[in-house]
């Protein structure tokens, strides 16, 4: 299988997702492998496409408080392309995922205030084909290994 990962690869990826700027020597030490082995494994993971790139994850600026929320959206099936096009235009939308279950989509929103979040939720509810939304405000992130 193209992307089969052993335990060492999984540990290496978890460390890189936590902090992709860790020195290779530190990665190797934490996993218990040689530095040259860590370099070879990272190169292999990149070459195989398991590691698709490296990026920047912005911290929330304390001077600019934000309210983040998960929003589940149930829609009429024919409305999916229109919904995606509308949400693509809104900068408050961080992620949009098609999901299984009672909701068809799950998105992550970042708004400057609860008032702005409320207004955006009203706008989402008015998008043609949206039948229902369900919102949960994110209070804190306990683990952050989001792939960028």
N, C-alpha and C. Protein backbone atom coordinates (compact mmCIF):
# COMPACT_ATOMS: atom_id res chain seq x y z
N UNK A 1 0.84 -1.19 0.00
CA UNK A 1 0.00 0.00 0.00
C UNK A 1 0.88 1.24 0.00
N UNK A 2 0.53 2.23 -0.78
CA UNK A 2 1.35 3.41 -1.00
C UNK A 2 1.64 4.19 0.29
N UNK A 3 0.65 4.36 1.14
CA UNK A 3 0.82 5.20 2.32
C UNK A 3 0.85 4.41 3.62
N UNK A 4 1.25 3.15 3.58
CA UNK A 4 1.33 2.35 4.80
C UNK A 4 2.40 2.94 5.71
N UNK A 5 2.03 3.19 6.95
CA UNK A 5 2.94 3.81 7.91
C UNK A 5 3.20 2.85 9.05
N UNK A 6 4.47 2.74 9.45
CA UNK A 6 4.78 1.94 10.63
C UNK A 6 4.73 2.86 11.85
N UNK A 7 4.96 2.30 13.03
CA UNK A 7 4.85 3.07 14.27
C UNK A 7 5.85 4.23 14.32
N UNK A 8 7.05 4.01 13.80
CA UNK A 8 8.05 5.08 13.79
C UNK A 8 7.59 6.25 12.93
N UNK A 9 7.04 5.94 11.73
CA UNK A 9 6.51 6.99 10.87
C UNK A 9 5.39 7.75 11.58
N UNK A 10 4.50 7.03 12.23
CA UNK A 10 3.37 7.68 12.93
C UNK A 10 3.86 8.59 14.05
N UNK A 11 4.86 8.15 14.80
CA UNK A 11 5.42 8.99 15.87
C UNK A 11 6.09 10.23 15.29
N UNK A 12 6.83 10.04 14.21
CA UNK A 12 7.51 11.14 13.55
C UNK A 12 6.49 12.17 13.04
N UNK A 13 5.43 11.70 12.41
CA UNK A 13 4.39 12.60 11.90
C UNK A 13 3.70 13.36 13.04
N UNK A 14 3.42 12.67 14.14
CA UNK A 14 2.76 13.34 15.27
C UNK A 14 3.64 14.47 15.82
N UNK A 15 4.94 14.21 15.94
CA UNK A 15 5.85 15.26 16.41
C UNK A 15 5.92 16.42 15.43
N UNK A 16 5.98 16.11 14.13
CA UNK A 16 6.03 17.17 13.13
C UNK A 16 4.73 17.98 13.09
N UNK A 17 3.59 17.34 13.30
CA UNK A 17 2.32 18.07 13.31
C UNK A 17 2.23 18.97 14.54
N UNK A 18 2.85 18.56 15.64
CA UNK A 18 2.87 19.41 16.83
C UNK A 18 3.79 20.61 16.62
N UNK A 19 4.96 20.37 15.98
CA UNK A 19 5.92 21.45 15.74
C UNK A 19 6.84 21.04 14.61
N UNK A 20 6.55 21.49 13.41
CA UNK A 20 7.32 21.11 12.22
C UNK A 20 8.71 21.75 12.21
N UNK A 21 8.97 22.64 13.15
CA UNK A 21 10.28 23.30 13.21
C UNK A 21 11.25 22.61 14.17
N UNK A 22 10.84 21.49 14.76
CA UNK A 22 11.76 20.78 15.65
C UNK A 22 12.98 20.33 14.86
N UNK A 23 14.18 20.48 15.43
CA UNK A 23 15.37 19.98 14.75
C UNK A 23 15.30 18.47 14.58
N UNK A 24 15.89 18.00 13.49
CA UNK A 24 15.86 16.55 13.22
C UNK A 24 16.50 15.78 14.36
N UNK A 25 17.54 16.32 14.95
CA UNK A 25 18.20 15.63 16.08
C UNK A 25 17.23 15.45 17.25
N UNK A 26 16.39 16.44 17.50
CA UNK A 26 15.40 16.35 18.58
C UNK A 26 14.35 15.31 18.23
N UNK A 27 13.87 15.33 17.00
CA UNK A 27 12.89 14.32 16.55
C UNK A 27 13.45 12.92 16.74
N UNK A 28 14.66 12.72 16.27
CA UNK A 28 15.30 11.40 16.35
C UNK A 28 15.44 10.94 17.80
N UNK A 29 15.87 11.85 18.66
CA UNK A 29 16.06 11.51 20.07
C UNK A 29 14.74 11.11 20.73
N UNK A 30 13.68 11.88 20.44
CA UNK A 30 12.38 11.59 21.06
C UNK A 30 11.80 10.25 20.60
N UNK A 31 12.11 9.87 19.38
CA UNK A 31 11.59 8.60 18.84
C UNK A 31 12.52 7.44 19.15
N UNK A 32 13.80 7.75 19.36
CA UNK A 32 14.77 6.69 19.64
C UNK A 32 15.37 6.10 18.37
N UNK A 33 15.60 6.96 17.37
CA UNK A 33 16.24 6.51 16.13
C UNK A 33 17.42 7.42 15.83
N UNK A 34 18.27 7.01 14.91
CA UNK A 34 19.42 7.82 14.52
C UNK A 34 18.95 9.05 13.73
N UNK A 35 19.71 10.13 13.81
CA UNK A 35 19.39 11.35 13.09
C UNK A 35 19.32 11.10 11.59
N UNK A 36 20.24 10.33 11.07
CA UNK A 36 20.23 10.03 9.62
C UNK A 36 19.00 9.22 9.23
N UNK A 37 18.55 8.36 10.12
CA UNK A 37 17.32 7.59 9.87
C UNK A 37 16.11 8.52 9.84
N UNK A 38 16.08 9.48 10.76
CA UNK A 38 14.97 10.45 10.79
C UNK A 38 14.95 11.26 9.50
N UNK A 39 16.11 11.70 9.04
CA UNK A 39 16.19 12.46 7.78
C UNK A 39 15.67 11.62 6.62
N UNK A 40 16.12 10.37 6.56
CA UNK A 40 15.69 9.48 5.47
C UNK A 40 14.19 9.24 5.51
N UNK A 41 13.64 9.05 6.70
CA UNK A 41 12.19 8.81 6.83
C UNK A 41 11.39 10.04 6.44
N UNK A 42 11.82 11.23 6.86
CA UNK A 42 11.12 12.45 6.49
C UNK A 42 11.15 12.62 4.97
N UNK A 43 12.32 12.43 4.37
CA UNK A 43 12.43 12.53 2.92
C UNK A 43 11.51 11.53 2.22
N UNK A 44 11.46 10.31 2.74
CA UNK A 44 10.59 9.27 2.17
C UNK A 44 9.12 9.67 2.29
N UNK A 45 8.72 10.19 3.45
CA UNK A 45 7.33 10.62 3.66
C UNK A 45 6.97 11.77 2.72
N UNK A 46 7.92 12.67 2.49
CA UNK A 46 7.68 13.77 1.55
C UNK A 46 7.56 13.24 0.12
N UNK A 47 8.47 12.36 -0.26
CA UNK A 47 8.48 11.81 -1.61
C UNK A 47 7.22 11.01 -1.91
N UNK A 48 6.72 10.29 -0.91
CA UNK A 48 5.50 9.49 -1.08
C UNK A 48 4.23 10.34 -1.03
N UNK A 49 4.37 11.59 -0.66
CA UNK A 49 3.21 12.47 -0.59
C UNK A 49 2.45 12.41 0.72
N UNK A 50 2.98 11.67 1.69
CA UNK A 50 2.34 11.62 3.00
C UNK A 50 2.45 13.00 3.66
N UNK A 51 3.64 13.60 3.57
CA UNK A 51 3.82 14.98 4.00
C UNK A 51 3.65 15.81 2.75
N UNK A 52 2.57 16.59 2.72
CA UNK A 52 2.25 17.39 1.54
C UNK A 52 2.85 18.78 1.57
N UNK A 53 3.45 19.16 2.70
CA UNK A 53 4.04 20.48 2.81
C UNK A 53 4.07 20.93 4.25
N UNK A 54 4.61 22.09 4.45
CA UNK A 54 4.73 22.68 5.77
C UNK A 54 4.11 24.06 5.71
N UNK A 55 3.53 24.51 6.81
CA UNK A 55 2.85 25.79 6.78
C UNK A 55 2.93 26.50 8.11
N UNK A 56 2.22 27.58 8.16
CA UNK A 56 2.17 28.42 9.35
C UNK A 56 0.78 28.33 9.95
N UNK A 57 0.72 28.16 11.26
CA UNK A 57 -0.55 28.17 11.98
C UNK A 57 -0.51 29.40 12.88
N UNK A 58 -1.41 30.34 12.65
CA UNK A 58 -1.40 31.60 13.38
C UNK A 58 -2.01 31.43 14.77
N UNK A 59 -1.38 32.03 15.76
CA UNK A 59 -1.96 32.09 17.09
C UNK A 59 -2.99 33.20 17.11
N UNK A 60 -3.95 33.04 17.99
CA UNK A 60 -4.95 34.09 18.16
C UNK A 60 -4.28 35.28 18.82
N UNK A 61 -4.42 36.44 18.24
CA UNK A 61 -3.87 37.67 18.77
C UNK A 61 -4.72 38.11 19.96
N UNK A 62 -4.12 38.21 21.15
CA UNK A 62 -4.91 38.62 22.33
C UNK A 62 -5.58 39.98 22.15
N UNK A 63 -5.02 40.84 21.31
CA UNK A 63 -5.62 42.15 21.08
C UNK A 63 -6.82 42.05 20.15
N UNK A 64 -6.95 40.94 19.45
CA UNK A 64 -8.06 40.73 18.52
C UNK A 64 -8.79 39.44 18.92
N UNK A 65 -9.61 39.48 19.97
CA UNK A 65 -10.28 38.26 20.41
C UNK A 65 -11.17 37.68 19.32
N UNK A 66 -11.27 36.39 19.32
CA UNK A 66 -12.08 35.71 18.31
C UNK A 66 -12.95 34.66 18.96
N UNK A 67 -14.08 34.41 18.34
CA UNK A 67 -14.97 33.33 18.76
C UNK A 67 -14.93 32.30 17.65
N UNK A 68 -14.58 31.08 18.00
CA UNK A 68 -14.53 30.00 17.02
C UNK A 68 -15.67 29.04 17.31
N UNK A 69 -16.23 28.47 16.24
CA UNK A 69 -17.36 27.57 16.41
C UNK A 69 -17.33 26.49 15.33
N UNK A 70 -17.86 25.33 15.70
CA UNK A 70 -18.15 24.26 14.75
C UNK A 70 -19.62 24.40 14.38
N UNK A 71 -19.92 24.31 13.10
CA UNK A 71 -21.30 24.42 12.66
C UNK A 71 -21.62 23.24 11.74
N UNK A 72 -22.61 22.45 12.13
CA UNK A 72 -23.10 21.39 11.28
C UNK A 72 -24.22 21.95 10.42
N UNK A 73 -24.24 21.55 9.15
CA UNK A 73 -25.26 22.06 8.22
C UNK A 73 -25.91 20.89 7.51
N UNK A 74 -27.24 20.83 7.58
CA UNK A 74 -28.03 19.87 6.80
C UNK A 74 -28.61 20.63 5.62
N UNK A 75 -28.49 20.05 4.41
CA UNK A 75 -28.95 20.75 3.21
C UNK A 75 -29.75 19.82 2.31
N UNK A 76 -30.47 20.44 1.37
CA UNK A 76 -31.07 19.68 0.28
C UNK A 76 -29.92 19.25 -0.62
N UNK A 77 -29.91 18.00 -1.10
CA UNK A 77 -28.78 17.50 -1.89
C UNK A 77 -28.42 18.36 -3.09
N UNK A 78 -29.41 18.91 -3.78
CA UNK A 78 -29.13 19.71 -4.97
C UNK A 78 -28.46 21.05 -4.64
N UNK A 79 -28.46 21.43 -3.37
CA UNK A 79 -27.95 22.74 -2.96
C UNK A 79 -26.45 22.73 -2.64
N UNK A 80 -25.82 21.57 -2.63
CA UNK A 80 -24.42 21.47 -2.21
C UNK A 80 -23.48 22.40 -2.98
N UNK A 81 -23.50 22.40 -4.31
CA UNK A 81 -22.55 23.27 -5.03
C UNK A 81 -22.74 24.75 -4.69
N UNK A 82 -23.97 25.19 -4.57
CA UNK A 82 -24.24 26.59 -4.24
C UNK A 82 -23.75 26.94 -2.85
N UNK A 83 -23.96 26.04 -1.89
CA UNK A 83 -23.51 26.28 -0.53
C UNK A 83 -21.99 26.41 -0.49
N UNK A 84 -21.30 25.50 -1.14
CA UNK A 84 -19.83 25.54 -1.16
C UNK A 84 -19.36 26.85 -1.79
N UNK A 85 -19.98 27.27 -2.88
CA UNK A 85 -19.59 28.53 -3.54
C UNK A 85 -19.79 29.73 -2.63
N UNK A 86 -20.90 29.76 -1.91
CA UNK A 86 -21.17 30.88 -1.00
C UNK A 86 -20.16 30.89 0.14
N UNK A 87 -19.97 29.74 0.79
CA UNK A 87 -19.07 29.68 1.95
C UNK A 87 -17.63 29.98 1.56
N UNK A 88 -17.24 29.64 0.34
CA UNK A 88 -15.89 29.90 -0.15
C UNK A 88 -15.58 31.40 -0.12
N UNK A 89 -16.58 32.22 -0.25
CA UNK A 89 -16.40 33.68 -0.33
C UNK A 89 -16.26 34.34 1.04
N UNK A 90 -16.60 33.64 2.12
CA UNK A 90 -16.63 34.25 3.44
C UNK A 90 -15.33 33.97 4.18
N UNK A 91 -14.56 34.98 4.53
CA UNK A 91 -13.27 34.77 5.19
C UNK A 91 -13.38 34.17 6.59
N UNK A 92 -14.54 34.26 7.20
CA UNK A 92 -14.72 33.68 8.54
C UNK A 92 -14.72 32.16 8.52
N UNK A 93 -14.93 31.56 7.35
CA UNK A 93 -14.95 30.10 7.22
C UNK A 93 -13.52 29.59 7.14
N UNK A 94 -13.10 28.83 8.16
CA UNK A 94 -11.74 28.27 8.18
C UNK A 94 -11.69 26.92 7.48
N UNK A 95 -12.68 26.06 7.73
CA UNK A 95 -12.71 24.75 7.10
C UNK A 95 -14.15 24.40 6.75
N UNK A 96 -14.30 23.58 5.72
CA UNK A 96 -15.61 23.03 5.36
C UNK A 96 -15.37 21.59 4.96
N UNK A 97 -16.07 20.68 5.62
CA UNK A 97 -15.91 19.25 5.35
C UNK A 97 -17.26 18.61 5.10
N UNK A 98 -17.34 17.75 4.10
CA UNK A 98 -18.53 16.91 3.91
C UNK A 98 -18.41 15.79 4.94
N UNK A 99 -19.51 15.50 5.64
CA UNK A 99 -19.47 14.50 6.71
C UNK A 99 -20.65 13.54 6.58
N UNK A 100 -20.53 12.41 7.26
CA UNK A 100 -21.65 11.47 7.31
C UNK A 100 -22.47 11.76 8.56
N UNK A 101 -23.69 11.26 8.59
CA UNK A 101 -24.54 11.45 9.76
C UNK A 101 -25.69 12.39 9.48
N UNK A 102 -26.23 12.95 10.54
CA UNK A 102 -27.42 13.80 10.42
C UNK A 102 -27.12 15.10 9.67
N UNK A 103 -25.90 15.58 9.77
CA UNK A 103 -25.49 16.80 9.07
C UNK A 103 -24.73 16.41 7.81
N UNK A 104 -24.82 17.25 6.80
CA UNK A 104 -24.13 16.99 5.53
C UNK A 104 -22.74 17.63 5.49
N UNK A 105 -22.60 18.77 6.17
CA UNK A 105 -21.34 19.49 6.20
C UNK A 105 -21.02 19.92 7.63
N UNK A 106 -19.73 20.02 7.91
CA UNK A 106 -19.26 20.57 9.18
C UNK A 106 -18.25 21.65 8.83
N UNK A 107 -18.44 22.84 9.39
CA UNK A 107 -17.48 23.89 9.12
C UNK A 107 -16.99 24.50 10.41
N UNK A 108 -15.84 25.12 10.31
CA UNK A 108 -15.25 25.83 11.43
C UNK A 108 -15.27 27.31 11.07
N UNK A 109 -15.81 28.11 11.98
CA UNK A 109 -15.89 29.55 11.78
C UNK A 109 -15.02 30.27 12.80
N UNK A 110 -14.47 31.42 12.40
CA UNK A 110 -13.75 32.31 13.31
C UNK A 110 -14.32 33.71 13.10
N UNK A 111 -14.93 34.25 14.15
CA UNK A 111 -15.56 35.58 14.09
C UNK A 111 -14.98 36.45 15.20
N UNK A 112 -15.01 37.76 15.03
CA UNK A 112 -14.44 38.65 16.04
C UNK A 112 -15.26 38.74 17.33
N UNK A 113 -16.54 38.33 17.29
CA UNK A 113 -17.38 38.43 18.48
C UNK A 113 -18.57 37.48 18.36
N UNK A 114 -19.28 37.30 19.45
CA UNK A 114 -20.49 36.48 19.40
C UNK A 114 -21.57 37.15 18.56
N UNK A 115 -21.58 38.47 18.54
CA UNK A 115 -22.54 39.19 17.70
C UNK A 115 -22.27 38.89 16.23
N UNK A 116 -21.01 38.95 15.83
CA UNK A 116 -20.65 38.65 14.44
C UNK A 116 -20.95 37.19 14.10
N UNK A 117 -20.71 36.28 15.06
CA UNK A 117 -21.03 34.87 14.84
C UNK A 117 -22.52 34.70 14.64
N UNK A 118 -23.32 35.33 15.47
CA UNK A 118 -24.78 35.24 15.35
C UNK A 118 -25.24 35.75 13.99
N UNK A 119 -24.69 36.86 13.54
CA UNK A 119 -25.06 37.40 12.23
C UNK A 119 -24.66 36.46 11.10
N UNK A 120 -23.48 35.85 11.21
CA UNK A 120 -23.02 34.92 10.18
C UNK A 120 -23.89 33.67 10.16
N UNK A 121 -24.28 33.18 11.32
CA UNK A 121 -25.17 32.02 11.38
C UNK A 121 -26.52 32.33 10.73
N UNK A 122 -27.00 33.55 10.91
CA UNK A 122 -28.24 33.95 10.23
C UNK A 122 -28.05 33.93 8.72
N UNK A 123 -26.90 34.41 8.24
CA UNK A 123 -26.62 34.41 6.80
C UNK A 123 -26.55 32.97 6.26
N UNK A 124 -25.93 32.08 7.04
CA UNK A 124 -25.84 30.67 6.62
C UNK A 124 -27.23 30.08 6.51
N UNK A 125 -28.07 30.37 7.49
CA UNK A 125 -29.44 29.86 7.49
C UNK A 125 -30.26 30.35 6.31
N UNK A 126 -29.87 31.47 5.71
CA UNK A 126 -30.60 32.03 4.57
C UNK A 126 -30.06 31.54 3.22
N UNK A 127 -28.98 30.78 3.22
CA UNK A 127 -28.45 30.26 1.96
C UNK A 127 -29.47 29.25 1.40
N UNK A 128 -29.83 29.37 0.13
CA UNK A 128 -30.81 28.45 -0.45
C UNK A 128 -30.41 26.98 -0.27
N UNK A 129 -31.35 26.18 0.21
CA UNK A 129 -31.13 24.75 0.40
C UNK A 129 -30.71 24.35 1.80
N UNK A 130 -30.34 25.32 2.66
CA UNK A 130 -29.96 24.99 4.03
C UNK A 130 -31.23 24.68 4.81
N UNK A 131 -31.29 23.46 5.37
CA UNK A 131 -32.47 23.03 6.12
C UNK A 131 -32.29 23.24 7.62
N UNK A 132 -31.06 23.03 8.11
CA UNK A 132 -30.84 23.08 9.56
C UNK A 132 -29.37 23.34 9.84
N UNK A 133 -29.07 24.02 10.94
CA UNK A 133 -27.70 24.17 11.42
C UNK A 133 -27.65 23.80 12.89
N UNK A 134 -26.48 23.41 13.32
CA UNK A 134 -26.24 23.11 14.73
C UNK A 134 -24.86 23.66 15.07
N UNK A 135 -24.79 24.52 16.09
CA UNK A 135 -23.55 25.24 16.38
C UNK A 135 -23.03 24.90 17.77
N UNK A 136 -21.72 24.70 17.86
CA UNK A 136 -21.02 24.54 19.13
C UNK A 136 -19.85 25.50 19.15
N UNK A 137 -19.80 26.37 20.15
CA UNK A 137 -18.69 27.31 20.28
C UNK A 137 -17.50 26.57 20.87
N UNK A 138 -16.32 26.79 20.30
CA UNK A 138 -15.09 26.16 20.79
C UNK A 138 -14.60 26.96 21.99
N UNK A 139 -14.49 26.29 23.12
CA UNK A 139 -14.03 26.95 24.34
C UNK A 139 -12.51 26.95 24.43
N UNK A 140 -11.89 25.81 24.09
CA UNK A 140 -10.43 25.72 24.07
C UNK A 140 -10.02 24.50 23.26
N UNK A 141 -8.81 24.54 22.74
CA UNK A 141 -8.25 23.40 22.01
C UNK A 141 -7.28 22.69 22.93
N UNK A 142 -7.49 21.42 23.15
CA UNK A 142 -6.62 20.64 24.06
C UNK A 142 -5.48 19.99 23.29
N UNK A 143 -5.71 19.62 22.04
CA UNK A 143 -4.68 19.05 21.17
C UNK A 143 -4.85 19.70 19.82
N UNK A 144 -3.76 20.13 19.20
CA UNK A 144 -3.82 20.78 17.89
C UNK A 144 -2.80 20.10 16.97
N UNK A 145 -3.26 19.21 16.13
CA UNK A 145 -2.40 18.54 15.16
C UNK A 145 -2.97 18.69 13.76
N UNK A 146 -3.63 19.78 13.54
CA UNK A 146 -4.26 20.03 12.26
C UNK A 146 -3.22 19.99 11.16
N UNK A 147 -3.55 19.29 10.08
CA UNK A 147 -2.67 19.25 8.93
C UNK A 147 -2.95 20.46 8.08
N UNK A 148 -1.90 21.17 7.77
CA UNK A 148 -2.06 22.42 7.04
C UNK A 148 -1.92 22.17 5.56
